Amino acid sequence: MWLCETRLIVRRRRGTAIVDTPNGILVVSHDNRTFYLPGGGAEEGESRRNAAIRELCEETGLTATRCRFLFEYPDFNNDHKVFMIKAEGKAEPRNEIKFVDFFDGSNLKVSSTTWEIIELYRLNNKMKSETAKSEKSK
């Protein structure tokens, strides 16, 4: 007789922010070793869009001025909804965040999930740019 253990995997609903600046994409860290995109879990009844905006402010002090949904990204622990956020202010570490920096593609160690989300974002931007160029040339 075989006994099968069933485990329910519940992933957290996470709002994830991409703040793209001339210096790179804003990332945050608790320990200055591994950096992550700002964001966090949505509270009960809170949308992931609002969670991304709230967490960006709580972690960096930035105030969102525009927010646009980009895509969903599931990983082992989280169901991310990723948003492009335009923000005002000076990014400074707050609360549990001890470091803020800007990722240009190679200057910092980022988590694998952060790397994958940034790569999807860049690929999406590249495809949109190429589509716009081909439409202009018609």
N, C-alpha and C. Protein backbone atom coordinates (compact mmCIF):
# COMPACT_ATOMS: atom_id res chain seq x y z
N MET A 1 0.83 -1.17 0.00
CA MET A 1 0.00 0.00 0.00
C MET A 1 0.89 1.24 0.00
N TRP A 2 0.55 2.18 -0.84
CA TRP A 2 1.31 3.41 -0.96
C TRP A 2 0.57 4.55 -0.27
N LEU A 3 1.30 5.27 0.51
CA LEU A 3 0.75 6.47 1.12
C LEU A 3 1.34 7.68 0.40
N CYS A 4 0.50 8.52 0.00
CA CYS A 4 0.95 9.71 -0.71
C CYS A 4 0.67 10.93 0.16
N GLU A 5 1.71 11.67 0.43
CA GLU A 5 1.54 12.88 1.22
C GLU A 5 1.21 14.03 0.27
N THR A 6 0.15 14.69 0.54
CA THR A 6 -0.27 15.83 -0.28
C THR A 6 0.06 17.11 0.47
N ARG A 7 0.73 18.00 -0.25
CA ARG A 7 1.06 19.30 0.34
C ARG A 7 0.48 20.39 -0.54
N LEU A 8 -0.20 21.25 0.08
CA LEU A 8 -0.76 22.40 -0.62
C LEU A 8 0.27 23.51 -0.59
N ILE A 9 0.66 23.94 -1.77
CA ILE A 9 1.62 25.03 -1.86
C ILE A 9 0.83 26.32 -2.08
N VAL A 10 0.94 27.21 -1.14
CA VAL A 10 0.25 28.49 -1.23
C VAL A 10 1.31 29.55 -1.47
N ARG A 11 1.19 30.21 -2.60
CA ARG A 11 2.14 31.27 -2.91
C ARG A 11 1.54 32.61 -2.50
N ARG A 12 2.41 33.46 -2.01
CA ARG A 12 2.01 34.79 -1.57
C ARG A 12 1.68 35.66 -2.78
N ARG A 13 0.64 36.46 -2.66
CA ARG A 13 0.28 37.44 -3.68
C ARG A 13 1.20 38.66 -3.49
N ARG A 14 2.12 38.87 -4.43
CA ARG A 14 3.12 39.92 -4.27
C ARG A 14 2.99 40.97 -5.36
N GLY A 15 3.04 42.23 -4.96
CA GLY A 15 3.14 43.35 -5.90
C GLY A 15 4.60 43.72 -6.02
N THR A 16 5.12 43.73 -7.24
CA THR A 16 6.54 43.97 -7.49
C THR A 16 6.70 45.21 -8.36
N ALA A 17 7.60 46.10 -7.96
CA ALA A 17 7.80 47.39 -8.64
C ALA A 17 9.07 47.39 -9.46
N ILE A 18 8.95 47.88 -10.68
CA ILE A 18 10.13 48.22 -11.49
C ILE A 18 10.15 49.73 -11.62
N VAL A 19 11.20 50.33 -11.08
CA VAL A 19 11.44 51.76 -11.20
C VAL A 19 12.69 51.89 -12.05
N ASP A 20 12.51 52.20 -13.33
CA ASP A 20 13.61 52.26 -14.29
C ASP A 20 14.08 53.71 -14.39
N THR A 21 15.35 53.93 -14.09
CA THR A 21 15.92 55.28 -14.08
C THR A 21 17.13 55.32 -15.01
N PRO A 22 17.65 56.49 -15.31
CA PRO A 22 18.88 56.58 -16.10
C PRO A 22 20.07 55.87 -15.43
N ASN A 23 20.02 55.71 -14.11
CA ASN A 23 21.10 55.03 -13.38
C ASN A 23 20.94 53.51 -13.35
N GLY A 24 19.78 53.02 -13.78
CA GLY A 24 19.50 51.59 -13.73
C GLY A 24 18.16 51.36 -13.04
N ILE A 25 17.86 50.10 -12.80
CA ILE A 25 16.61 49.71 -12.16
C ILE A 25 16.81 49.69 -10.65
N LEU A 26 15.92 50.35 -9.94
CA LEU A 26 16.00 50.43 -8.49
C LEU A 26 15.88 49.04 -7.87
N VAL A 27 16.82 48.72 -6.98
CA VAL A 27 16.78 47.47 -6.22
C VAL A 27 17.07 47.78 -4.76
N VAL A 28 16.64 46.87 -3.89
CA VAL A 28 16.79 47.06 -2.45
C VAL A 28 17.40 45.82 -1.82
N SER A 29 17.98 46.00 -0.63
CA SER A 29 18.61 44.86 0.05
C SER A 29 18.51 45.03 1.56
N HIS A 30 18.41 43.89 2.23
CA HIS A 30 18.45 43.86 3.69
C HIS A 30 19.89 43.80 4.20
N ASP A 31 20.80 43.27 3.37
CA ASP A 31 22.14 42.93 3.86
C ASP A 31 23.29 43.38 2.96
N ASN A 32 23.01 44.06 1.85
CA ASN A 32 24.02 44.52 0.90
C ASN A 32 24.73 43.37 0.19
N ARG A 33 24.18 42.16 0.27
CA ARG A 33 24.76 41.03 -0.46
C ARG A 33 23.90 40.66 -1.65
N THR A 34 22.59 40.56 -1.45
CA THR A 34 21.66 40.22 -2.51
C THR A 34 20.59 41.30 -2.59
N PHE A 35 20.32 41.73 -3.81
CA PHE A 35 19.36 42.80 -4.04
C PHE A 35 18.10 42.23 -4.69
N TYR A 36 16.98 42.92 -4.44
CA TYR A 36 15.66 42.50 -4.92
C TYR A 36 14.93 43.71 -5.47
N LEU A 37 13.94 43.44 -6.31
CA LEU A 37 13.04 44.51 -6.72
C LEU A 37 12.17 44.90 -5.53
N PRO A 38 11.87 46.19 -5.37
CA PRO A 38 10.98 46.59 -4.28
C PRO A 38 9.60 45.96 -4.44
N GLY A 39 8.94 45.76 -3.33
CA GLY A 39 7.58 45.22 -3.37
C GLY A 39 7.36 44.33 -2.17
N GLY A 40 6.19 43.71 -2.15
CA GLY A 40 5.88 42.83 -1.03
C GLY A 40 4.49 42.26 -1.14
N GLY A 41 4.16 41.49 -0.14
CA GLY A 41 2.88 40.80 -0.11
C GLY A 41 1.71 41.75 0.04
N ALA A 42 0.65 41.41 -0.68
CA ALA A 42 -0.59 42.19 -0.57
C ALA A 42 -1.31 41.78 0.71
N GLU A 43 -1.77 42.76 1.43
CA GLU A 43 -2.54 42.50 2.64
C GLU A 43 -3.95 42.05 2.24
N GLU A 44 -4.66 41.48 3.19
CA GLU A 44 -6.02 41.01 2.90
C GLU A 44 -6.87 42.15 2.34
N GLY A 45 -7.48 41.91 1.19
CA GLY A 45 -8.32 42.91 0.55
C GLY A 45 -7.57 43.95 -0.26
N GLU A 46 -6.25 43.90 -0.26
CA GLU A 46 -5.43 44.88 -0.98
C GLU A 46 -5.05 44.32 -2.35
N SER A 47 -5.11 45.14 -3.38
CA SER A 47 -4.67 44.72 -4.70
C SER A 47 -3.14 44.65 -4.72
N ARG A 48 -2.61 43.86 -5.63
CA ARG A 48 -1.15 43.79 -5.75
C ARG A 48 -0.58 45.10 -6.30
N ARG A 49 -1.36 45.82 -7.08
CA ARG A 49 -0.94 47.15 -7.55
C ARG A 49 -0.72 48.06 -6.34
N ASN A 50 -1.71 48.11 -5.45
CA ASN A 50 -1.58 48.96 -4.26
C ASN A 50 -0.47 48.47 -3.34
N ALA A 51 -0.26 47.16 -3.28
CA ALA A 51 0.83 46.62 -2.46
C ALA A 51 2.18 47.07 -3.01
N ALA A 52 2.35 47.05 -4.33
CA ALA A 52 3.62 47.49 -4.93
C ALA A 52 3.88 48.96 -4.62
N ILE A 53 2.85 49.79 -4.74
CA ILE A 53 2.99 51.23 -4.46
C ILE A 53 3.30 51.46 -2.98
N ARG A 54 2.56 50.78 -2.09
CA ARG A 54 2.77 50.93 -0.65
C ARG A 54 4.17 50.48 -0.24
N GLU A 55 4.56 49.30 -0.72
CA GLU A 55 5.87 48.77 -0.34
C GLU A 55 7.01 49.62 -0.88
N LEU A 56 6.86 50.16 -2.10
CA LEU A 56 7.89 51.04 -2.64
C LEU A 56 8.09 52.23 -1.71
N CYS A 57 7.01 52.82 -1.24
CA CYS A 57 7.11 53.95 -0.32
C CYS A 57 7.69 53.53 1.03
N GLU A 58 7.21 52.40 1.57
CA GLU A 58 7.70 51.93 2.87
C GLU A 58 9.18 51.58 2.82
N GLU A 59 9.66 51.03 1.71
CA GLU A 59 11.04 50.57 1.62
C GLU A 59 12.02 51.65 1.19
N THR A 60 11.55 52.65 0.41
CA THR A 60 12.48 53.63 -0.17
C THR A 60 12.09 55.08 0.06
N GLY A 61 10.86 55.34 0.50
CA GLY A 61 10.39 56.70 0.67
C GLY A 61 9.91 57.35 -0.62
N LEU A 62 9.97 56.65 -1.75
CA LEU A 62 9.51 57.20 -3.02
C LEU A 62 7.99 57.24 -3.08
N THR A 63 7.46 58.24 -3.75
CA THR A 63 6.03 58.39 -3.95
C THR A 63 5.71 58.08 -5.41
N ALA A 64 4.85 57.11 -5.64
CA ALA A 64 4.47 56.73 -7.00
C ALA A 64 3.63 57.83 -7.64
N THR A 65 3.96 58.17 -8.88
CA THR A 65 3.18 59.15 -9.63
C THR A 65 2.41 58.49 -10.77
N ARG A 66 2.92 57.38 -11.27
CA ARG A 66 2.23 56.59 -12.29
C ARG A 66 2.55 55.13 -12.06
N CYS A 67 1.59 54.28 -12.40
CA CYS A 67 1.77 52.84 -12.20
C CYS A 67 1.06 52.11 -13.34
N ARG A 68 1.81 51.23 -14.02
CA ARG A 68 1.25 50.48 -15.14
C ARG A 68 1.59 49.00 -14.99
N PHE A 69 0.57 48.15 -15.11
CA PHE A 69 0.78 46.70 -15.03
C PHE A 69 1.62 46.25 -16.22
N LEU A 70 2.60 45.39 -15.95
CA LEU A 70 3.45 44.84 -17.01
C LEU A 70 3.12 43.38 -17.31
N PHE A 71 3.25 42.52 -16.27
CA PHE A 71 3.02 41.09 -16.48
C PHE A 71 2.96 40.39 -15.14
N GLU A 72 2.55 39.13 -15.18
CA GLU A 72 2.57 38.26 -14.00
C GLU A 72 3.77 37.35 -14.08
N TYR A 73 4.32 37.00 -12.93
CA TYR A 73 5.47 36.10 -12.87
C TYR A 73 5.35 35.22 -11.62
N PRO A 74 5.09 33.93 -11.81
CA PRO A 74 5.02 33.04 -10.64
C PRO A 74 6.41 32.47 -10.34
N ASP A 75 6.78 32.43 -9.08
CA ASP A 75 7.97 31.68 -8.67
C ASP A 75 7.54 30.72 -7.57
N PHE A 76 8.48 30.07 -6.93
CA PHE A 76 8.14 29.03 -5.96
C PHE A 76 7.34 29.58 -4.78
N ASN A 77 7.67 30.78 -4.33
CA ASN A 77 7.04 31.35 -3.14
C ASN A 77 5.98 32.41 -3.40
N ASN A 78 6.05 33.07 -4.56
CA ASN A 78 5.21 34.24 -4.81
C ASN A 78 4.54 34.19 -6.17
N ASP A 79 3.36 34.76 -6.24
CA ASP A 79 2.71 35.08 -7.51
C ASP A 79 2.85 36.58 -7.68
N HIS A 80 3.84 36.99 -8.47
CA HIS A 80 4.14 38.40 -8.67
C HIS A 80 3.20 38.99 -9.71
N LYS A 81 2.70 40.18 -9.44
CA LYS A 81 2.19 41.06 -10.47
C LYS A 81 3.21 42.18 -10.52
N VAL A 82 3.78 42.39 -11.70
CA VAL A 82 4.88 43.33 -11.86
C VAL A 82 4.35 44.61 -12.48
N PHE A 83 4.74 45.74 -11.88
CA PHE A 83 4.26 47.05 -12.31
C PHE A 83 5.44 47.97 -12.60
N MET A 84 5.33 48.74 -13.69
CA MET A 84 6.27 49.82 -13.97
C MET A 84 5.77 51.02 -13.20
N ILE A 85 6.61 51.54 -12.32
CA ILE A 85 6.21 52.68 -11.49
C ILE A 85 7.15 53.85 -11.76
N LYS A 86 6.55 54.99 -12.04
CA LYS A 86 7.27 56.26 -12.08
C LYS A 86 7.09 56.87 -10.70
N ALA A 87 8.19 57.38 -10.15
CA ALA A 87 8.12 57.85 -8.77
C ALA A 87 8.89 59.15 -8.59
N GLU A 88 8.52 59.87 -7.53
CA GLU A 88 9.19 61.11 -7.15
C GLU A 88 9.87 60.93 -5.81
N GLY A 89 10.92 61.71 -5.61
CA GLY A 89 11.63 61.67 -4.35
C GLY A 89 13.02 61.09 -4.51
N LYS A 90 13.70 60.98 -3.40
CA LYS A 90 15.05 60.39 -3.38
C LYS A 90 14.95 59.04 -2.68
N ALA A 91 15.37 57.99 -3.37
CA ALA A 91 15.31 56.65 -2.79
C ALA A 91 16.32 56.53 -1.65
N GLU A 92 15.80 56.23 -0.47
CA GLU A 92 16.64 56.01 0.70
C GLU A 92 16.09 54.80 1.45
N PRO A 93 16.99 53.99 2.02
CA PRO A 93 16.51 52.80 2.73
C PRO A 93 15.66 53.15 3.95
N ARG A 94 14.57 52.40 4.10
CA ARG A 94 13.66 52.60 5.22
C ARG A 94 13.21 51.25 5.74
N ASN A 95 12.78 51.25 7.00
CA ASN A 95 12.25 50.04 7.65
C ASN A 95 13.25 48.89 7.55
N GLU A 96 12.84 47.74 7.04
CA GLU A 96 13.73 46.57 7.00
C GLU A 96 14.81 46.68 5.93
N ILE A 97 14.66 47.62 5.00
CA ILE A 97 15.63 47.80 3.92
C ILE A 97 16.81 48.62 4.44
N LYS A 98 18.01 48.11 4.21
CA LYS A 98 19.22 48.80 4.69
C LYS A 98 20.03 49.42 3.56
N PHE A 99 19.76 49.00 2.30
CA PHE A 99 20.53 49.49 1.16
C PHE A 99 19.60 49.65 -0.05
N VAL A 100 19.79 50.72 -0.80
CA VAL A 100 19.15 50.88 -2.10
C VAL A 100 20.24 51.13 -3.12
N ASP A 101 20.04 50.65 -4.33
CA ASP A 101 21.02 50.83 -5.39
C ASP A 101 20.30 50.74 -6.72
N PHE A 102 21.07 50.83 -7.81
CA PHE A 102 20.50 50.77 -9.14
C PHE A 102 21.24 49.70 -9.94
N PHE A 103 20.49 48.76 -10.48
CA PHE A 103 21.05 47.62 -11.20
C PHE A 103 21.15 47.95 -12.68
N ASP A 104 22.37 47.85 -13.23
CA ASP A 104 22.57 48.15 -14.64
C ASP A 104 22.78 46.90 -15.48
N GLY A 105 22.65 45.75 -14.87
CA GLY A 105 22.79 44.49 -15.61
C GLY A 105 23.94 43.64 -15.12
N SER A 106 24.92 44.25 -14.45
CA SER A 106 26.06 43.44 -14.02
C SER A 106 26.73 43.94 -12.75
N ASN A 107 26.31 45.08 -12.22
CA ASN A 107 27.06 45.70 -11.13
C ASN A 107 26.72 45.16 -9.74
N LEU A 108 25.62 44.42 -9.59
CA LEU A 108 25.19 43.94 -8.27
C LEU A 108 24.73 42.49 -8.36
N LYS A 109 24.78 41.80 -7.24
CA LYS A 109 24.20 40.47 -7.17
C LYS A 109 22.72 40.62 -6.85
N VAL A 110 21.88 40.14 -7.76
CA VAL A 110 20.44 40.18 -7.54
C VAL A 110 19.93 38.75 -7.41
N SER A 111 18.78 38.59 -6.77
CA SER A 111 18.18 37.27 -6.64
C SER A 111 17.83 36.72 -8.02
N SER A 112 17.71 35.41 -8.11
CA SER A 112 17.38 34.80 -9.40
C SER A 112 16.02 35.28 -9.91
N THR A 113 15.06 35.43 -9.01
CA THR A 113 13.74 35.92 -9.42
C THR A 113 13.84 37.35 -9.93
N THR A 114 14.59 38.20 -9.24
CA THR A 114 14.78 39.57 -9.70
C THR A 114 15.42 39.59 -11.07
N TRP A 115 16.43 38.77 -11.28
CA TRP A 115 17.11 38.68 -12.58
C TRP A 115 16.12 38.29 -13.68
N GLU A 116 15.31 37.28 -13.41
CA GLU A 116 14.36 36.79 -14.41
C GLU A 116 13.29 37.84 -14.72
N ILE A 117 12.78 38.52 -13.71
CA ILE A 117 11.77 39.55 -13.94
C ILE A 117 12.37 40.71 -14.75
N ILE A 118 13.58 41.12 -14.42
CA ILE A 118 14.23 42.21 -15.16
C ILE A 118 14.47 41.78 -16.62
N GLU A 119 14.89 40.54 -16.83
CA GLU A 119 15.11 40.06 -18.20
C GLU A 119 13.81 40.06 -19.00
N LEU A 120 12.70 39.63 -18.38
CA LEU A 120 11.40 39.67 -19.06
C LEU A 120 11.01 41.11 -19.39
N TYR A 121 11.24 42.00 -18.46
CA TYR A 121 10.94 43.42 -18.66
C TYR A 121 11.76 43.97 -19.84
N ARG A 122 13.04 43.68 -19.87
CA ARG A 122 13.90 44.18 -20.95
C ARG A 122 13.51 43.57 -22.30
N LEU A 123 13.22 42.30 -22.31
CA LEU A 123 12.79 41.63 -23.54
C LEU A 123 11.50 42.25 -24.06
N ASN A 124 10.55 42.49 -23.17
CA ASN A 124 9.29 43.11 -23.54
C ASN A 124 9.52 44.50 -24.12
N ASN A 125 10.40 45.29 -23.50
CA ASN A 125 10.72 46.63 -24.01
C ASN A 125 11.37 46.58 -25.37
N LYS A 126 12.28 45.61 -25.55
CA LYS A 126 12.97 45.46 -26.83
C LYS A 126 11.98 45.12 -27.93
N MET A 127 11.06 44.20 -27.65
CA MET A 127 10.07 43.80 -28.64
C MET A 127 9.16 44.99 -29.00
N LYS A 128 8.74 45.76 -28.00
CA LYS A 128 7.89 46.93 -28.26
C LYS A 128 8.63 47.96 -29.10
N SER A 129 9.91 48.17 -28.81
CA SER A 129 10.72 49.13 -29.55
C SER A 129 10.87 48.70 -31.01
N GLU A 130 11.14 47.41 -31.23
CA GLU A 130 11.30 46.90 -32.59
C GLU A 130 9.98 46.98 -33.36
N THR A 131 8.87 46.72 -32.69
CA THR A 131 7.55 46.82 -33.34
C THR A 131 7.27 48.26 -33.73
N ALA A 132 7.58 49.19 -32.84
CA ALA A 132 7.36 50.61 -33.14
C ALA A 132 8.21 51.06 -34.31
N LYS A 133 9.47 50.61 -34.39
CA LYS A 133 10.36 50.97 -35.50
C LYS A 133 9.83 50.43 -36.81
N SER A 134 9.36 49.17 -36.80
CA SER A 134 8.86 48.58 -38.05
C SER A 134 7.56 49.26 -38.49
N GLU A 135 6.74 49.71 -37.54
CA GLU A 135 5.51 50.42 -37.89
C GLU A 135 5.83 51.79 -38.49
N LYS A 136 6.88 52.45 -37.98
CA LYS A 136 7.28 53.76 -38.50
C LYS A 136 7.81 53.66 -39.92
N SER A 137 8.50 52.56 -40.23
CA SER A 137 9.11 52.42 -41.54
C SER A 137 8.12 52.03 -42.62
N LYS A 138 6.89 51.74 -42.28
CA LYS A 138 5.88 51.34 -43.28
C LYS A 138 5.33 52.55 -43.99
